[in-house]
Protein backbone atom coordinates (compact mmCIF):
# COMPACT_ATOMS: atom_id res chain seq x y z
CA MET A 1 -0.06 0.18 0.09
CA ASN A 2 1.01 3.58 -0.65
CA PRO A 3 2.14 5.18 2.39
CA LEU A 4 1.15 8.79 0.81
CA ARG A 5 -2.50 7.11 0.57
CA VAL A 6 -3.15 8.15 3.93
CA PHE A 7 -3.32 11.81 3.45
CA THR A 8 -5.36 11.01 0.27
CA LYS A 9 -7.94 8.42 1.27
CA HIS A 10 -10.24 11.12 3.14
CA PRO A 11 -9.71 13.70 0.53
CA THR A 12 -11.00 11.65 -1.94
CA THR A 13 -13.92 9.94 -0.50
CA VAL A 14 -15.38 14.40 -0.88
CA ASN A 15 -14.32 14.60 -4.47
CA GLU A 16 -11.25 16.74 -3.42
CA THR A 17 -7.34 16.55 -3.82
CA TYR A 18 -5.23 16.41 -1.00
CA THR A 19 -4.81 20.61 -1.65
CA GLU A 20 -7.88 21.57 -1.91
CA HIS A 21 -8.79 19.79 1.18
CA LEU A 22 -6.26 21.57 2.58
CA CYS A 23 -7.96 24.87 1.81
CA SER A 24 -11.03 23.81 3.08
CA ALA A 25 -10.50 22.66 6.23
CA TRP A 26 -8.29 25.53 6.81
CA SER A 27 -10.49 27.80 5.74
CA PHE A 28 -13.32 25.96 7.97
CA GLY A 29 -10.95 26.06 10.99
CA PHE A 30 -9.96 29.65 11.06
CA ARG A 31 -13.62 31.01 10.40
CA MET A 32 -14.16 28.86 13.62
CA LEU A 33 -11.08 30.46 15.49
CA GLY A 34 -12.35 33.62 14.66
CA ALA A 35 -15.72 32.62 15.51
CA SER A 36 -14.68 30.87 18.89
CA VAL A 37 -12.81 34.62 19.52
CA ALA A 38 -16.11 36.32 19.46
CA CYS A 39 -17.87 34.30 21.19
CA ILE A 40 -15.41 34.18 24.23
CA LEU A 41 -15.33 37.97 23.86
CA HIS A 42 -19.34 38.22 23.93
CA GLY A 43 -19.58 36.58 26.75
CA ILE A 44 -17.28 39.32 28.63
CA PHE A 45 -19.02 42.26 26.86
CA PRO A 46 -22.26 41.12 25.66
CA PHE A 47 -22.66 43.90 23.30
CA LEU A 48 -20.04 42.71 21.16
CA PHE A 49 -20.33 40.23 17.99
CA VAL A 50 -24.19 39.53 19.10
CA THR A 51 -24.78 37.41 16.12
CA THR A 52 -21.34 36.43 14.72
CA GLY A 53 -21.24 32.78 16.54
CA SER A 54 -24.38 31.52 15.33
CA SER A 55 -23.84 33.56 11.79
CA THR A 56 -20.68 31.91 11.08
CA ILE A 57 -22.15 28.00 12.28
CA ARG A 58 -24.98 28.77 10.18
CA ALA A 59 -22.69 29.97 6.76
CA LEU A 60 -20.21 27.11 7.19
CA TYR A 61 -23.51 24.72 7.33
CA GLU A 62 -24.80 26.16 4.15
CA ARG A 63 -21.08 25.65 2.59
CA MET A 64 -21.20 22.17 4.08
CA VAL A 65 -24.67 20.93 2.73
CA THR A 66 -23.43 23.02 -1.24
CA HIS A 67 -20.41 20.89 -0.91
CA ARG A 68 -22.45 17.39 -0.71
CA ALA A 69 -24.74 18.72 -3.80
CA ARG A 70 -21.66 18.93 -6.39
CA ILE A 71 -20.09 14.98 -5.21
CA LYS A 72 -20.59 12.71 -7.33
CA PRO A 73 -23.83 10.70 -6.80
CA ASP A 74 -21.22 7.12 -6.53
CA THR A 75 -19.44 8.97 -3.98
CA PRO A 76 -19.32 8.11 -0.63
CA VAL A 77 -21.09 10.87 1.45
CA ASN A 78 -20.90 8.76 4.95
CA SER A 79 -17.55 10.16 5.72
CA ILE A 80 -17.79 14.34 4.92
CA GLY A 81 -17.30 16.29 8.11
């Protein structure tokens, strides 16, 4: 078995190359990181970032669902996430 397969197995199941998956995962991660900082600050200062956390979750969920719709029908979707 190709040792590099561990890096491409999951991206293939979501119809992405390793690089596409890396960029997508980092994009999600940085958005979540920013939203988490906003939520922490919102806890201290309730008047700041009132909808940032919930709107970020909705946007990322919508993006993930839209991406699933683009995946080929014969591609397994149970491992997306």
